[in-house]
C-alpha atoms as a PDB file:
ATOM      1  CA  MET A   1      -6.012   4.650 -22.106  1.00  0.00           C
ATOM      2  CA  LYS A   2      -2.567   3.952 -20.884  1.00  0.00           C
ATOM      3  CA  THR A   3      -1.468   3.788 -17.326  1.00  0.00           C
ATOM      4  CA  PRO A   4       0.043   7.162 -16.348  1.00  0.00           C
ATOM      5  CA  LEU A   5       3.608   8.100 -15.571  1.00  0.00           C
ATOM      6  CA  ILE A   6       5.087   7.003 -12.264  1.00  0.00           C
ATOM      7  CA  TYR A   7       4.826   9.356  -9.294  1.00  0.00           C
ATOM      8  CA  PHE A   8       6.195   8.980  -5.784  1.00  0.00           C
ATOM      9  CA  MET A   9       4.537  10.327  -2.657  1.00  0.00           C
ATOM     10  CA  LEU A  10       4.657   9.462   1.008  1.00  0.00           C
ATOM     11  CA  LEU A  11       1.884  10.178   3.495  1.00  0.00           C
ATOM     12  CA  PRO A  12       2.759  10.593   7.163  1.00  0.00           C
ATOM     13  CA  PHE A  13       0.580   7.736   8.256  1.00  0.00           C
ATOM     14  CA  ILE A  14      -1.438   4.825   6.879  1.00  0.00           C
ATOM     15  CA  LEU A  15      -5.165   5.401   6.907  1.00  0.00           C
ATOM     16  CA  SER A  16      -7.689   2.714   7.618  1.00  0.00           C
ATOM     17  CA  ILE A  17     -10.389   2.242   5.005  1.00  0.00           C
ATOM     18  CA  ILE A  18     -13.745   0.539   5.189  1.00  0.00           C
ATOM     19  CA  SER A  19     -12.988  -2.944   3.927  1.00  0.00           C
ATOM     20  CA  CYS A  20     -13.285  -6.576   4.896  1.00  0.00           C
ATOM     21  CA  ASN A  21      -9.903  -7.327   3.323  1.00  0.00           C
ATOM     22  CA  LYS A  22      -6.891  -8.151   5.456  1.00  0.00           C
ATOM     23  CA  VAL A  23      -4.659  -5.189   6.262  1.00  0.00           C
ATOM     24  CA  ILE A  24      -1.314  -5.400   4.483  1.00  0.00           C
ATOM     25  CA  ASP A  25       1.746  -4.019   6.239  1.00  0.00           C
ATOM     26  CA  ILE A  26       3.928  -1.833   4.039  1.00  0.00           C
ATOM     27  CA  SER A  27       7.453  -0.770   4.898  1.00  0.00           C
ATOM     28  CA  LEU A  28       8.275   2.837   4.118  1.00  0.00           C
ATOM     29  CA  ASP A  29      11.774   4.053   3.498  1.00  0.00           C
ATOM     30  CA  ASN A  30      13.791   6.882   2.042  1.00  0.00           C
ATOM     31  CA  ALA A  31      16.065   4.716  -0.119  1.00  0.00           C
ATOM     32  CA  THR A  32      17.012   6.236  -3.456  1.00  0.00           C
ATOM     33  CA  ASP A  33      18.358   5.083  -6.799  1.00  0.00           C
ATOM     34  CA  ARG A  34      16.216   1.955  -6.748  1.00  0.00           C
ATOM     35  CA  LEU A  35      14.957   0.521 -10.012  1.00  0.00           C
ATOM     36  CA  VAL A  36      11.286   1.134 -10.743  1.00  0.00           C
ATOM     37  CA  ILE A  37       9.463  -0.966 -13.358  1.00  0.00           C
ATOM     38  CA  GLU A  38       5.982  -0.097 -14.628  1.00  0.00           C
ATOM     39  CA  GLY A  39       4.849  -2.719 -17.135  1.00  0.00           C
ATOM     40  CA  ASN A  40       1.446  -3.043 -18.779  1.00  0.00           C
ATOM     41  CA  ILE A  41       0.084  -5.526 -21.300  1.00  0.00           C
ATOM     42  CA  THR A  42      -3.542  -4.946 -22.352  1.00  0.00           C
ATOM     43  CA  ASP A  43      -6.097  -6.656 -24.550  1.00  0.00           C
ATOM     44  CA  GLU A  44      -6.055  -3.743 -27.019  1.00  0.00           C
ATOM     45  CA  LEU A  45      -4.033  -4.192 -30.198  1.00  0.00           C
ATOM     46  CA  GLY A  46      -1.365  -1.564 -30.402  1.00  0.00           C
ATOM     47  CA  PRO A  47       1.767  -0.384 -28.642  1.00  0.00           C
ATOM     48  CA  GLN A  48       2.419  -1.966 -25.251  1.00  0.00           C
ATOM     49  CA  THR A  49       4.849  -0.212 -22.934  1.00  0.00           C
ATOM     50  CA  ILE A  50       7.222  -0.964 -20.091  1.00  0.00           C
ATOM     51  CA  LYS A  51       8.807   1.994 -18.312  1.00  0.00           C
ATOM     52  CA  LEU A  52      12.042   1.935 -16.330  1.00  0.00           C
ATOM     53  CA  ASN A  53      13.098   4.667 -13.922  1.00  0.00           C
ATOM     54  CA  THR A  54      15.034   5.123 -10.715  1.00  0.00           C
ATOM     55  CA  ASN A  55      13.362   6.585  -7.666  1.00  0.00           C
ATOM     56  CA  VAL A  56      14.424   9.699  -5.826  1.00  0.00           C
ATOM     57  CA  ALA A  57      14.254  10.776  -2.192  1.00  0.00           C
ATOM     58  CA  VAL A  58      10.714  10.914  -0.858  1.00  0.00           C
ATOM     59  CA  SER A  59      11.137  14.628  -0.239  1.00  0.00           C
ATOM     60  CA  ASN A  60      12.061  15.222  -3.877  1.00  0.00           C
ATOM     61  CA  THR A  61       9.205  15.056  -6.376  1.00  0.00           C
ATOM     62  CA  ASN A  62      10.840  16.833  -9.287  1.00  0.00           C
ATOM     63  CA  THR A  63      12.357  14.234 -11.619  1.00  0.00           C
ATOM     64  CA  TYR A  64      12.596  10.464 -11.956  1.00  0.00           C
ATOM     65  CA  PRO A  65      15.692   9.558 -13.963  1.00  0.00           C
ATOM     66  CA  PRO A  66      14.949   7.122 -16.809  1.00  0.00           C
ATOM     67  CA  VAL A  67      16.846   3.865 -17.092  1.00  0.00           C
ATOM     68  CA  THR A  68      18.209   3.626 -20.622  1.00  0.00           C
ATOM     69  CA  GLY A  69      19.918   0.882 -22.610  1.00  0.00           C
ATOM     70  CA  ALA A  70      18.033  -2.027 -21.033  1.00  0.00           C
ATOM     71  CA  MET A  71      17.025  -5.235 -22.821  1.00  0.00           C
ATOM     72  CA  VAL A  72      13.279  -5.819 -22.409  1.00  0.00           C
ATOM     73  CA  THR A  73      11.204  -8.735 -23.687  1.00  0.00           C
ATOM     74  CA  VAL A  74       7.840 -10.341 -22.912  1.00  0.00           C
ATOM     75  CA  ASN A  75       6.952 -13.921 -23.774  1.00  0.00           C
ATOM     76  CA  ASP A  76       3.828 -16.048 -23.429  1.00  0.00           C
ATOM     77  CA  GLN A  77       3.316 -19.748 -22.713  1.00  0.00           C
ATOM     78  CA  ALA A  78       3.049 -20.499 -26.438  1.00  0.00           C
ATOM     79  CA  GLY A  79       6.652 -19.437 -26.951  1.00  0.00           C
ATOM     80  CA  ASN A  80       5.963 -16.097 -28.606  1.00  0.00           C
ATOM     81  CA  VAL A  81       8.605 -13.518 -27.749  1.00  0.00           C
ATOM     82  CA  TYR A  82       7.928  -9.788 -28.040  1.00  0.00           C
ATOM     83  CA  LYS A  83      10.928  -7.492 -28.121  1.00  0.00           C
ATOM     84  CA  PHE A  84      10.532  -4.014 -26.630  1.00  0.00           C
ATOM     85  CA  THR A  85      12.682  -1.252 -28.097  1.00  0.00           C
ATOM     86  CA  GLU A  86      13.461   2.023 -26.388  1.00  0.00           C
ATOM     87  CA  GLY A  87      11.543   5.051 -27.634  1.00  0.00           C
ATOM     88  CA  PRO A  88      11.598   8.025 -25.306  1.00  0.00           C
ATOM     89  CA  ALA A  89      14.311   7.560 -22.704  1.00  0.00           C
ATOM     90  CA  GLY A  90      13.307   4.836 -20.274  1.00  0.00           C
ATOM     91  CA  THR A  91      10.162   3.870 -22.208  1.00  0.00           C
ATOM     92  CA  TYR A  92      10.296   0.509 -23.992  1.00  0.00           C
ATOM     93  CA  ILE A  93       7.665  -0.253 -26.622  1.00  0.00           C
ATOM     94  CA  THR A  94       6.516  -3.140 -28.771  1.00  0.00           C
ATOM     95  CA  PRO A  95       4.374  -1.725 -31.598  1.00  0.00           C
ATOM     96  CA  LYS A  96       1.833  -4.472 -32.323  1.00  0.00           C
ATOM     97  CA  MET A  97       0.833  -6.802 -29.533  1.00  0.00           C
ATOM     98  CA  ILE A  98      -2.504  -7.797 -28.053  1.00  0.00           C
ATOM     99  CA  GLY A  99      -2.983  -9.597 -24.769  1.00  0.00           C
ATOM    100  CA  VAL A 100      -5.252 -12.655 -24.741  1.00  0.00           C
ATOM    101  CA  THR A 101      -7.476 -13.776 -21.866  1.00  0.00           C
ATOM    102  CA  GLY A 102      -6.021 -16.755 -20.018  1.00  0.00           C
ATOM    103  CA  ASN A 103      -2.481 -16.245 -21.301  1.00  0.00           C
ATOM    104  CA  THR A 104       0.424 -15.909 -18.919  1.00  0.00           C
ATOM    105  CA  TYR A 105       2.859 -13.151 -19.869  1.00  0.00           C
ATOM    106  CA  THR A 106       6.391 -13.097 -18.504  1.00  0.00           C
ATOM    107  CA  MET A 107       8.502  -9.947 -18.555  1.00  0.00           C
ATOM    108  CA  ASN A 108      12.306 -10.053 -18.654  1.00  0.00           C
ATOM    109  CA  VAL A 109      14.322  -6.902 -18.029  1.00  0.00           C
ATOM    110  CA  VAL A 110      18.113  -6.898 -18.175  1.00  0.00           C
ATOM    111  CA  THR A 111      19.838  -3.767 -16.952  1.00  0.00           C
ATOM    112  CA  ASN A 112      23.173  -3.107 -15.249  1.00  0.00           C
ATOM    113  CA  GLY A 113      24.031  -6.784 -15.468  1.00  0.00           C
ATOM    114  CA  LYS A 114      20.947  -7.937 -13.564  1.00  0.00           C
ATOM    115  CA  THR A 115      17.838  -9.740 -14.809  1.00  0.00           C
ATOM    116  CA  TYR A 116      14.380  -8.988 -13.429  1.00  0.00           C
ATOM    117  CA  LYS A 117      11.342 -11.152 -14.115  1.00  0.00           C
ATOM    118  CA  ALA A 118       7.614 -10.991 -13.482  1.00  0.00           C
ATOM    119  CA  SER A 119       4.584 -12.931 -14.682  1.00  0.00           C
ATOM    120  CA  SER A 120       0.933 -11.945 -14.927  1.00  0.00           C
ATOM    121  CA  VAL A 121      -2.148 -13.815 -16.138  1.00  0.00           C
ATOM    122  CA  MET A 122      -4.662 -11.824 -18.191  1.00  0.00           C
ATOM    123  CA  PRO A 123      -8.161 -12.337 -16.727  1.00  0.00           C
ATOM    124  CA  GLY A 124     -11.398 -12.507 -18.670  1.00  0.00           C
ATOM    125  CA  LEU A 125     -13.177  -9.303 -19.603  1.00  0.00           C
ATOM    126  CA  VAL A 126     -16.052  -8.232 -17.380  1.00  0.00           C
ATOM    127  CA  ALA A 127     -18.144  -5.640 -19.176  1.00  0.00           C
ATOM    128  CA  LEU A 128     -18.369  -2.126 -17.786  1.00  0.00           C
ATOM    129  CA  LYS A 129     -22.093  -1.502 -18.300  1.00  0.00           C
ATOM    130  CA  TYR A 130     -22.380   2.184 -17.493  1.00  0.00           C
ATOM    131  CA  ILE A 131     -21.150   5.027 -15.317  1.00  0.00           C
ATOM    132  CA  SER A 132     -23.351   7.655 -13.716  1.00  0.00           C
ATOM    133  CA  SER A 133     -23.111  10.742 -11.514  1.00  0.00           C
ATOM    134  CA  SER A 134     -25.115  11.868  -8.507  1.00  0.00           C
ATOM    135  CA  LYS A 135     -24.919  14.519  -5.820  1.00  0.00           C
ATOM    136  CA  SER A 136     -22.322  13.905  -3.168  1.00  0.00           C
ATOM    137  CA  SER A 137     -21.858  15.389   0.292  1.00  0.00           C
ATOM    138  CA  PHE A 138     -18.415  13.811   0.651  1.00  0.00           C
ATOM    139  CA  ASN A 139     -15.953  16.091   2.408  1.00  0.00           C
ATOM    140  CA  GLY A 140     -18.778  18.539   3.094  1.00  0.00           C
ATOM    141  CA  ILE A 141     -18.644  20.122  -0.375  1.00  0.00           C
ATOM    142  CA  ASP A 142     -22.123  20.929  -1.652  1.00  0.00           C
ATOM    143  CA  GLY A 143     -22.900  20.658  -5.338  1.00  0.00           C
ATOM    144  CA  THR A 144     -20.117  18.246  -6.212  1.00  0.00           C
ATOM    145  CA  ARG A 145     -20.861  14.898  -7.815  1.00  0.00           C
ATOM    146  CA  LYS A 146     -19.767  11.357  -7.145  1.00  0.00           C
ATOM    147  CA  ILE A 147     -19.235   8.823  -9.904  1.00  0.00           C
ATOM    148  CA  THR A 148     -20.725   5.334  -9.751  1.00  0.00           C
ATOM    149  CA  ILE A 149     -19.781   2.494 -12.057  1.00  0.00           C
ATOM    150  CA  ASN A 150     -21.908  -0.559 -12.786  1.00  0.00           C
ATOM    151  CA  TYR A 151     -20.892  -4.038 -13.906  1.00  0.00           C
ATOM    152  CA  HIS A 152     -22.186  -7.580 -13.473  1.00  0.00           C
ATOM    153  CA  ASP A 153     -19.704  -9.860 -11.743  1.00  0.00           C
ATOM    154  CA  PRO A 154     -19.550 -13.405 -13.213  1.00  0.00           C
ATOM    155  CA  LYS A 155     -20.704 -16.089 -10.792  1.00  0.00           C
ATOM    156  CA  GLY A 156     -18.230 -18.692  -9.598  1.00  0.00           C
ATOM    157  CA  VAL A 157     -15.116 -16.904 -10.878  1.00  0.00           C
ATOM    158  CA  ALA A 158     -12.749 -14.882  -8.687  1.00  0.00           C
ATOM    159  CA  ASN A 159     -12.511 -11.384 -10.152  1.00  0.00           C
ATOM    160  CA  GLN A 160     -10.463  -8.326  -9.254  1.00  0.00           C
ATOM    161  CA  TYR A 161     -10.803  -4.817 -10.666  1.00  0.00           C
ATOM    162  CA  ASN A 162      -8.783  -1.612 -10.888  1.00  0.00           C
ATOM    163  CA  PHE A 163     -10.373   1.693 -11.901  1.00  0.00           C
ATOM    164  CA  LEU A 164      -8.786   4.899 -13.225  1.00  0.00           C
ATOM    165  CA  MET A 165     -10.819   8.101 -13.357  1.00  0.00           C
ATOM    166  CA  TYR A 166     -10.208  11.265 -15.390  1.00  0.00           C
ATOM    167  CA  VAL A 167     -12.015  14.580 -14.935  1.00  0.00           C
ATOM    168  CA  ASN A 168     -11.752  16.862 -17.972  1.00  0.00           C
ATOM    169  CA  GLY A 169      -8.676  14.902 -19.024  1.00  0.00           C
ATOM    170  CA  VAL A 170      -6.929  15.131 -15.646  1.00  0.00           C
ATOM    171  CA  GLN A 171      -6.439  11.911 -13.740  1.00  0.00           C
ATOM    172  CA  VAL A 172      -7.793  11.659 -10.222  1.00  0.00           C
ATOM    173  CA  LYS A 173      -5.006  11.069  -7.716  1.00  0.00           C
ATOM    174  CA  ARG A 174      -6.447   8.042  -5.979  1.00  0.00           C
ATOM    175  CA  VAL A 175      -6.370   4.264  -6.299  1.00  0.00           C
ATOM    176  CA  PHE A 176      -9.705   2.471  -6.710  1.00  0.00           C
ATOM    177  CA  VAL A 177      -9.788  -1.336  -6.531  1.00  0.00           C
ATOM    178  CA  ASN A 178     -12.516  -3.860  -5.847  1.00  0.00           C
ATOM    179  CA  ASN A 179     -13.014  -7.629  -5.822  1.00  0.00           C
ATOM    180  CA  ASP A 180     -15.982 -10.003  -5.656  1.00  0.00           C
ATOM    181  CA  ASP A 181     -15.482 -11.518  -2.214  1.00  0.00           C
ATOM    182  CA  PHE A 182     -19.002 -10.399  -1.276  1.00  0.00           C
ATOM    183  CA  THR A 183     -20.520  -9.664  -4.692  1.00  0.00           C
ATOM    184  CA  ASP A 184     -19.885 -12.881  -6.645  1.00  0.00           C
ATOM    185  CA  GLY A 185     -22.481 -13.219  -9.403  1.00  0.00           C
ATOM    186  CA  ASN A 186     -24.172  -9.912  -8.560  1.00  0.00           C
ATOM    187  CA  SER A 187     -24.790  -6.627 -10.291  1.00  0.00           C
ATOM    188  CA  VAL A 188     -22.384  -4.181  -8.671  1.00  0.00           C
ATOM    189  CA  ASN A 189     -22.658  -0.412  -8.174  1.00  0.00           C
ATOM    190  CA  PHE A 190     -19.268   0.846  -7.029  1.00  0.00           C
ATOM    191  CA  ASP A 191     -18.728   4.466  -6.002  1.00  0.00           C
ATOM    192  CA  LEU A 192     -15.472   6.170  -6.947  1.00  0.00           C
ATOM    193  CA  ILE A 193     -15.098   8.584  -4.047  1.00  0.00           C
ATOM    194  CA  GLU A 194     -12.210  11.039  -4.007  1.00  0.00           C
ATOM    195  CA  ASN A 195     -11.389  14.516  -2.711  1.00  0.00           C
ATOM    196  CA  ASP A 196      -8.734  15.480  -5.230  1.00  0.00           C
ATOM    197  CA  ILE A 197     -10.822  17.054  -7.987  1.00  0.00           C
ATOM    198  CA  GLY A 198     -14.243  18.632  -7.533  1.00  0.00           C
ATOM    199  CA  ILE A 199     -16.656  17.075 -10.040  1.00  0.00           C
ATOM    200  CA  ASN A 200     -19.358  19.469 -11.167  1.00  0.00           C
ATOM    201  CA  PRO A 201     -22.179  19.583 -13.732  1.00  0.00           C
ATOM    202  CA  GLY A 202     -20.782  19.937 -17.243  1.00  0.00           C
ATOM    203  CA  ASP A 203     -17.527  18.151 -16.481  1.00  0.00           C
ATOM    204  CA  LYS A 204     -16.489  15.242 -18.673  1.00  0.00           C
ATOM    205  CA  VAL A 205     -15.574  12.157 -16.680  1.00  0.00           C
ATOM    206  CA  THR A 206     -13.888   9.091 -18.139  1.00  0.00           C
ATOM    207  CA  VAL A 207     -13.486   5.822 -16.238  1.00  0.00           C
ATOM    208  CA  GLU A 208     -11.130   3.047 -17.299  1.00  0.00           C
ATOM    209  CA  MET A 209     -11.953  -0.372 -15.896  1.00  0.00           C
ATOM    210  CA  GLN A 210      -9.160  -2.944 -15.725  1.00  0.00           C
ATOM    211  CA  CYS A 211      -9.730  -6.622 -14.935  1.00  0.00           C
ATOM    212  CA  ILE A 212      -6.563  -7.603 -13.075  1.00  0.00           C
ATOM    213  CA  ASP A 213      -5.096 -10.777 -11.607  1.00  0.00           C
ATOM    214  CA  LYS A 214      -4.828 -11.509  -7.891  1.00  0.00           C
ATOM    215  CA  ALA A 215      -1.213 -10.377  -7.542  1.00  0.00           C
ATOM    216  CA  MET A 216      -2.023  -6.998  -9.036  1.00  0.00           C
ATOM    217  CA  TYR A 217      -5.081  -6.627  -6.815  1.00  0.00           C
ATOM    218  CA  THR A 218      -2.859  -7.203  -3.776  1.00  0.00           C
ATOM    219  CA  TYR A 219      -0.449  -4.550  -5.045  1.00  0.00           C
ATOM    220  CA  TRP A 220      -3.056  -1.849  -5.758  1.00  0.00           C
ATOM    221  CA  PHE A 221      -5.031  -2.646  -2.614  1.00  0.00           C
ATOM    222  CA  ALA A 222      -1.903  -2.174  -0.527  1.00  0.00           C
ATOM    223  CA  LEU A 223      -1.437   1.280  -2.043  1.00  0.00           C
ATOM    224  CA  MET A 224      -5.115   2.111  -1.521  1.00  0.00           C
ATOM    225  CA  GLN A 225      -4.782   1.194   2.148  1.00  0.00           C
ATOM    226  CA  GLN A 226      -2.195   3.893   2.708  1.00  0.00           C
ATOM    227  CA  ASN A 227      -4.492   6.392   1.018  1.00  0.00           C
ATOM    228  CA  TYR A 228      -2.074   6.730  -1.877  1.00  0.00           C
ATOM    229  CA  THR A 229      -2.710   9.893  -3.874  1.00  0.00           C
ATOM    230  CA  GLY A 230      -0.316   9.538  -6.791  1.00  0.00           C
ATOM    231  CA  PRO A 231      -2.060   9.705 -10.154  1.00  0.00           C
ATOM    232  CA  GLY A 232      -4.280   6.700 -10.596  1.00  0.00           C
ATOM    233  CA  GLY A 233      -1.906   3.972 -10.008  1.00  0.00           C
ATOM    234  CA  GLY A 234       1.782   4.508  -9.915  1.00  0.00           C
ATOM    235  CA  VAL A 235       4.523   3.507  -7.567  1.00  0.00           C
ATOM    236  CA  THR A 236       5.361   4.891  -4.131  1.00  0.00           C
ATOM    237  CA  PRO A 237       8.618   4.800  -2.177  1.00  0.00           C
ATOM    238  CA  SER A 238       7.069   2.085  -0.009  1.00  0.00           C
ATOM    239  CA  ASP A 239       7.406  -1.621  -0.705  1.00  0.00           C
ATOM    240  CA  PRO A 240       3.944  -3.006  -1.457  1.00  0.00           C
ATOM    241  CA  PRO A 241       4.017  -6.696  -2.391  1.00  0.00           C
ATOM    242  CA  ASN A 242       4.559  -7.037  -6.120  1.00  0.00           C
ATOM    243  CA  ASN A 243       5.296  -9.749  -8.680  1.00  0.00           C
ATOM    244  CA  ILE A 244       8.839  -8.767  -9.703  1.00  0.00           C
ATOM    245  CA  THR A 245      11.931 -10.784  -8.745  1.00  0.00           C
ATOM    246  CA  PRO A 246      14.410  -9.841  -7.503  1.00  0.00           C
ATOM    247  CA  LEU A 247      12.374  -7.267  -5.610  1.00  0.00           C
ATOM    248  CA  VAL A 248      12.297  -3.751  -7.000  1.00  0.00           C
ATOM    249  CA  LEU A 249       9.651  -1.045  -6.934  1.00  0.00           C
ATOM    250  CA  GLY A 250       6.779  -1.272  -9.387  1.00  0.00           C
ATOM    251  CA  TYR A 251       4.696  -3.953 -11.052  1.00  0.00           C
ATOM    252  CA  PHE A 252       3.980  -5.915 -14.218  1.00  0.00           C
ATOM    253  CA  SER A 253       0.309  -6.269 -15.150  1.00  0.00           C
ATOM    254  CA  ALA A 254      -1.530  -8.105 -17.923  1.00  0.00           C
ATOM    255  CA  HIS A 255      -5.095  -6.793 -17.838  1.00  0.00           C
ATOM    256  CA  THR A 256      -8.153  -6.024 -19.916  1.00  0.00           C
ATOM    257  CA  THR A 257      -9.105  -2.407 -20.445  1.00  0.00           C
ATOM    258  CA  GLN A 258     -12.281  -0.569 -21.363  1.00  0.00           C
ATOM    259  CA  THR A 259     -13.463   3.018 -20.946  1.00  0.00           C
ATOM    260  CA  LYS A 260     -16.688   4.985 -20.791  1.00  0.00           C
ATOM    261  CA  THR A 261     -17.188   8.752 -20.723  1.00  0.00           C
ATOM    262  CA  ILE A 262     -20.113  10.839 -19.487  1.00  0.00           C
ATOM    263  CA  THR A 263     -20.936  14.510 -19.203  1.00  0.00           C
ATOM    264  CA  VAL A 264     -21.867  15.130 -15.580  1.00  0.00           C
ATOM    265  CA  LYS A 265     -25.403  16.405 -14.976  1.00  0.00           C
END
């Protein structure tokens, strides 16, 4: 599955979450017409996409103007260069590319006379073993289900994870990230708790698990801290720390991807 389209939302305050990670301060503003880059390279052979838009006022959630006519390339440390051509307005695609574990991928975007760069290292794949459902009393709603994912974290290797969840084809509007600071080498059961979509018996739930590098974990964790509720990982009008220079909104991520689907019981 591909990472969804970019959405922008602003909550009136930053919520604290139960975590042993350091709190990251995020500046919020109402600046408009800023470049937004959403780049993804996965370990699946096929089209890879980089999307360019401009943001709008935080009070306006209607449209996000595409940035057209840019020059977009990605290269790796072996000297391979992948050219991305514009398909739908603002969406740049390379048709046949597969990311490789351990490779560093560098994105170059040239638009309006400026060059933007970002690098990301593709981590090793950690297998998503299974997903399951169980009764949940979260938010006081009886009869709903929570989703739990299971994987075995490799010992002695720093790992970071991002999870996307879909209920009957609709993406849950919450960011889910985890790392192995306290679970290194262990079997992990990680609950995906959200209050956006009620999950009930008979629903089909799909979870995508992404193994991400440290910079991307910092980015998604910062959004999770402010209780971001844009679909499954997008960009907000805040300035979470990202890997793009000079600084714009968005991210560039080289990550593994795998999915599992269950029918909720």
